[in-house]
Amino acid sequence: MKNHWGGNATEFQNTYTNRSPLGHYFLLPNAVFTLGLTPGELSIYAYLMFCEDRETHQCWPSIGKICQHTGMSANTVAKYIRQLEERQLINVEPTKVRTKSGEVRNGTLQFTIRPIQEAVNYHLERQLAGLPPRKSRKKKR
């Protein structure tokens, strides 16, 4: 039986079902969809999950790299990172780097992906208390 691309329908099905269970993909917890994340927050969270070390749950992508892979501006990425931190999905810590000349400079941010249950508990506590989700503060100019 031919499929509409001209090949055998069984060939297409076999390539799909013969995927390696350890292929090039990552898992996103189902509970993340119950937290009311915006599409931007979800995109940043998914990218950080993609980058994380599966043993330490940490990653160090630069803001520029996150911008490149999500198609967002640096200010937008920074806003969503703050919101994910407020929602207790991630921890963010600055790092320092020492140059060859001995100068200490800012490094990339270290992101730690927190257990999803902590974020779910926080979300439920806020709902029970009748509090709206925290709004990010705008900087005064």
C-alpha atoms as a PDB file:
ATOM      1  CA  MET A   1       0.000   0.000   0.000  1.00  0.00           C
ATOM      2  CA  LYS A   2       1.403   3.390  -1.010  1.00  0.00           C
ATOM      3  CA  ASN A   3       1.132   6.505   1.127  1.00  0.00           C
ATOM      4  CA  HIS A   4       0.489   9.940  -0.373  1.00  0.00           C
ATOM      5  CA  TRP A   5       4.279  10.623  -0.579  1.00  0.00           C
ATOM      6  CA  GLY A   6       4.737   7.691  -2.961  1.00  0.00           C
ATOM      7  CA  GLY A   7       6.445   5.373  -0.462  1.00  0.00           C
ATOM      8  CA  ASN A   8       5.101   2.361   1.326  1.00  0.00           C
ATOM      9  CA  ALA A   9       2.838   3.183   4.255  1.00  0.00           C
ATOM     10  CA  THR A  10       4.486   0.449   6.324  1.00  0.00           C
ATOM     11  CA  GLU A  11       7.935   2.029   5.810  1.00  0.00           C
ATOM     12  CA  PHE A  12       6.719   5.261   7.388  1.00  0.00           C
ATOM     13  CA  GLN A  13       5.135   3.453  10.322  1.00  0.00           C
ATOM     14  CA  ASN A  14       8.235   1.344  10.940  1.00  0.00           C
ATOM     15  CA  THR A  15      10.551   4.350  11.073  1.00  0.00           C
ATOM     16  CA  TYR A  16       8.275   5.942  13.641  1.00  0.00           C
ATOM     17  CA  THR A  17       7.918   2.901  15.885  1.00  0.00           C
ATOM     18  CA  ASN A  18      11.604   1.937  15.693  1.00  0.00           C
ATOM     19  CA  ARG A  19      12.747   5.069  17.534  1.00  0.00           C
ATOM     20  CA  SER A  20      15.355   4.580  20.192  1.00  0.00           C
ATOM     21  CA  PRO A  21      13.935   5.092  23.703  1.00  0.00           C
ATOM     22  CA  LEU A  22      17.134   7.018  24.476  1.00  0.00           C
ATOM     23  CA  GLY A  23      16.872   9.313  21.468  1.00  0.00           C
ATOM     24  CA  HIS A  24      17.471  13.018  21.139  1.00  0.00           C
ATOM     25  CA  TYR A  25      14.614  14.424  23.174  1.00  0.00           C
ATOM     26  CA  PHE A  26      13.919  15.481  26.739  1.00  0.00           C
ATOM     27  CA  LEU A  27      10.989  15.077  29.105  1.00  0.00           C
ATOM     28  CA  LEU A  28       8.851  17.916  30.383  1.00  0.00           C
ATOM     29  CA  PRO A  29       6.826  17.217  33.545  1.00  0.00           C
ATOM     30  CA  ASN A  30       3.063  17.026  32.907  1.00  0.00           C
ATOM     31  CA  ALA A  31       2.396  19.174  35.983  1.00  0.00           C
ATOM     32  CA  VAL A  32       4.018  22.180  34.299  1.00  0.00           C
ATOM     33  CA  PHE A  33       0.820  22.572  32.256  1.00  0.00           C
ATOM     34  CA  THR A  34      -1.266  23.024  35.424  1.00  0.00           C
ATOM     35  CA  LEU A  35       0.672  26.067  36.617  1.00  0.00           C
ATOM     36  CA  GLY A  36      -0.808  28.631  34.235  1.00  0.00           C
ATOM     37  CA  LEU A  37       2.507  29.521  32.602  1.00  0.00           C
ATOM     38  CA  THR A  38       2.513  31.958  29.711  1.00  0.00           C
ATOM     39  CA  PRO A  39       3.837  30.680  26.369  1.00  0.00           C
ATOM     40  CA  GLY A  40       7.058  32.650  26.945  1.00  0.00           C
ATOM     41  CA  GLU A  41       7.593  31.192  30.411  1.00  0.00           C
ATOM     42  CA  LEU A  42       6.917  27.704  29.081  1.00  0.00           C
ATOM     43  CA  SER A  43       9.367  28.221  26.221  1.00  0.00           C
ATOM     44  CA  ILE A  44      12.167  29.373  28.543  1.00  0.00           C
ATOM     45  CA  TYR A  45      11.449  26.567  31.034  1.00  0.00           C
ATOM     46  CA  ALA A  46      11.484  23.973  28.255  1.00  0.00           C
ATOM     47  CA  TYR A  47      14.810  25.303  26.938  1.00  0.00           C
ATOM     48  CA  LEU A  48      16.352  25.163  30.428  1.00  0.00           C
ATOM     49  CA  MET A  49      15.081  21.586  30.822  1.00  0.00           C
ATOM     50  CA  PHE A  50      16.676  20.784  27.455  1.00  0.00           C
ATOM     51  CA  CYS A  51      20.032  22.190  28.645  1.00  0.00           C
ATOM     52  CA  GLU A  52      20.077  20.782  32.178  1.00  0.00           C
ATOM     53  CA  ASP A  53      22.508  18.172  33.452  1.00  0.00           C
ATOM     54  CA  ARG A  54      20.194  15.269  34.381  1.00  0.00           C
ATOM     55  CA  GLU A  55      22.174  14.448  37.530  1.00  0.00           C
ATOM     56  CA  THR A  56      22.766  17.907  39.042  1.00  0.00           C
ATOM     57  CA  HIS A  57      19.695  19.591  37.481  1.00  0.00           C
ATOM     58  CA  GLN A  58      21.853  22.603  36.637  1.00  0.00           C
ATOM     59  CA  CYS A  59      22.682  24.402  33.412  1.00  0.00           C
ATOM     60  CA  TRP A  60      24.610  27.496  32.372  1.00  0.00           C
ATOM     61  CA  PRO A  61      23.243  28.810  29.053  1.00  0.00           C
ATOM     62  CA  SER A  62      23.964  32.466  28.373  1.00  0.00           C
ATOM     63  CA  ILE A  63      21.106  34.915  27.913  1.00  0.00           C
ATOM     64  CA  GLY A  64      22.267  35.297  24.302  1.00  0.00           C
ATOM     65  CA  LYS A  65      22.035  31.541  23.713  1.00  0.00           C
ATOM     66  CA  ILE A  66      18.543  31.440  25.241  1.00  0.00           C
ATOM     67  CA  CYS A  67      17.537  34.371  22.992  1.00  0.00           C
ATOM     68  CA  GLN A  68      18.937  32.604  19.948  1.00  0.00           C
ATOM     69  CA  HIS A  69      17.048  29.369  20.624  1.00  0.00           C
ATOM     70  CA  THR A  70      13.717  30.879  21.719  1.00  0.00           C
ATOM     71  CA  GLY A  71      13.555  33.844  19.338  1.00  0.00           C
ATOM     72  CA  MET A  72      13.042  36.333  22.180  1.00  0.00           C
ATOM     73  CA  SER A  73      14.879  39.526  23.054  1.00  0.00           C
ATOM     74  CA  ALA A  74      17.263  39.693  26.018  1.00  0.00           C
ATOM     75  CA  ASN A  75      14.847  41.849  28.045  1.00  0.00           C
ATOM     76  CA  THR A  76      11.989  39.423  27.422  1.00  0.00           C
ATOM     77  CA  VAL A  77      14.141  36.434  28.382  1.00  0.00           C
ATOM     78  CA  ALA A  78      15.235  38.207  31.586  1.00  0.00           C
ATOM     79  CA  LYS A  79      11.583  38.972  32.430  1.00  0.00           C
ATOM     80  CA  TYR A  80      10.523  35.346  31.990  1.00  0.00           C
ATOM     81  CA  ILE A  81      13.505  34.090  33.988  1.00  0.00           C
ATOM     82  CA  ARG A  82      12.440  36.333  36.902  1.00  0.00           C
ATOM     83  CA  GLN A  83       8.872  35.032  36.626  1.00  0.00           C
ATOM     84  CA  LEU A  84      10.009  31.390  36.608  1.00  0.00           C
ATOM     85  CA  GLU A  85      12.094  32.095  39.695  1.00  0.00           C
ATOM     86  CA  GLU A  86       9.094  33.730  41.418  1.00  0.00           C
ATOM     87  CA  ARG A  87       6.980  30.679  40.562  1.00  0.00           C
ATOM     88  CA  GLN A  88       9.676  28.518  42.226  1.00  0.00           C
ATOM     89  CA  LEU A  89      10.423  26.521  39.085  1.00  0.00           C
ATOM     90  CA  ILE A  90      14.094  27.540  38.953  1.00  0.00           C
ATOM     91  CA  ASN A  91      16.846  29.064  41.073  1.00  0.00           C
ATOM     92  CA  VAL A  92      19.215  31.534  39.439  1.00  0.00           C
ATOM     93  CA  GLU A  93      22.696  32.361  40.720  1.00  0.00           C
ATOM     94  CA  PRO A  94      25.342  34.579  39.132  1.00  0.00           C
ATOM     95  CA  THR A  95      28.786  33.107  38.519  1.00  0.00           C
ATOM     96  CA  LYS A  96      32.240  34.707  38.389  1.00  0.00           C
ATOM     97  CA  VAL A  97      35.067  33.969  35.971  1.00  0.00           C
ATOM     98  CA  ARG A  98      38.763  34.765  36.311  1.00  0.00           C
ATOM     99  CA  THR A  99      40.438  35.886  33.082  1.00  0.00           C
ATOM    100  CA  LYS A 100      44.009  34.991  32.111  1.00  0.00           C
ATOM    101  CA  SER A 101      45.108  38.402  33.349  1.00  0.00           C
ATOM    102  CA  GLY A 102      43.626  37.621  36.784  1.00  0.00           C
ATOM    103  CA  GLU A 103      40.658  39.941  36.413  1.00  0.00           C
ATOM    104  CA  VAL A 104      37.368  38.718  37.934  1.00  0.00           C
ATOM    105  CA  ARG A 105      34.369  39.178  35.647  1.00  0.00           C
ATOM    106  CA  ASN A 106      30.731  38.161  35.631  1.00  0.00           C
ATOM    107  CA  GLY A 107      30.099  34.740  34.141  1.00  0.00           C
ATOM    108  CA  THR A 108      26.886  33.229  32.856  1.00  0.00           C
ATOM    109  CA  LEU A 109      23.965  32.589  35.162  1.00  0.00           C
ATOM    110  CA  GLN A 110      23.706  29.192  36.809  1.00  0.00           C
ATOM    111  CA  PHE A 111      20.170  27.821  36.569  1.00  0.00           C
ATOM    112  CA  THR A 112      18.995  25.050  38.878  1.00  0.00           C
ATOM    113  CA  ILE A 113      15.759  23.311  37.924  1.00  0.00           C
ATOM    114  CA  ARG A 114      13.769  22.808  41.116  1.00  0.00           C
ATOM    115  CA  PRO A 115      11.561  19.758  41.728  1.00  0.00           C
ATOM    116  CA  ILE A 116       8.233  20.335  39.971  1.00  0.00           C
ATOM    117  CA  GLN A 117       6.272  19.417  43.102  1.00  0.00           C
ATOM    118  CA  GLU A 118       7.632  22.512  44.900  1.00  0.00           C
ATOM    119  CA  ALA A 119       6.224  24.741  42.168  1.00  0.00           C
ATOM    120  CA  VAL A 120       2.893  22.885  42.189  1.00  0.00           C
ATOM    121  CA  ASN A 121       2.643  23.243  45.985  1.00  0.00           C
ATOM    122  CA  TYR A 122       3.466  26.952  45.764  1.00  0.00           C
ATOM    123  CA  HIS A 123       0.846  27.434  43.025  1.00  0.00           C
ATOM    124  CA  LEU A 124      -1.819  25.599  45.053  1.00  0.00           C
ATOM    125  CA  GLU A 125      -0.981  27.531  48.242  1.00  0.00           C
ATOM    126  CA  ARG A 126      -1.393  30.817  46.358  1.00  0.00           C
ATOM    127  CA  GLN A 127      -4.739  29.642  44.989  1.00  0.00           C
ATOM    128  CA  LEU A 128      -5.987  28.551  48.424  1.00  0.00           C
ATOM    129  CA  ALA A 129      -4.951  31.859  49.950  1.00  0.00           C
ATOM    130  CA  GLY A 130      -6.911  33.634  47.223  1.00  0.00           C
ATOM    131  CA  LEU A 131      -3.851  35.534  46.144  1.00  0.00           C
ATOM    132  CA  PRO A 132      -3.291  36.365  42.506  1.00  0.00           C
ATOM    133  CA  PRO A 133      -0.068  35.137  40.906  1.00  0.00           C
ATOM    134  CA  ARG A 134       2.804  37.485  41.675  1.00  0.00           C
ATOM    135  CA  LYS A 135       3.347  40.154  39.081  1.00  0.00           C
ATOM    136  CA  SER A 136       6.906  40.988  38.195  1.00  0.00           C
ATOM    137  CA  ARG A 137       7.933  44.436  39.323  1.00  0.00           C
ATOM    138  CA  LYS A 138       8.733  46.956  36.669  1.00  0.00           C
ATOM    139  CA  LYS A 139      11.880  48.979  37.095  1.00  0.00           C
ATOM    140  CA  LYS A 140      11.400  52.677  37.672  1.00  0.00           C
ATOM    141  CA  ARG A 141      13.154  54.798  35.127  1.00  0.00           C
END
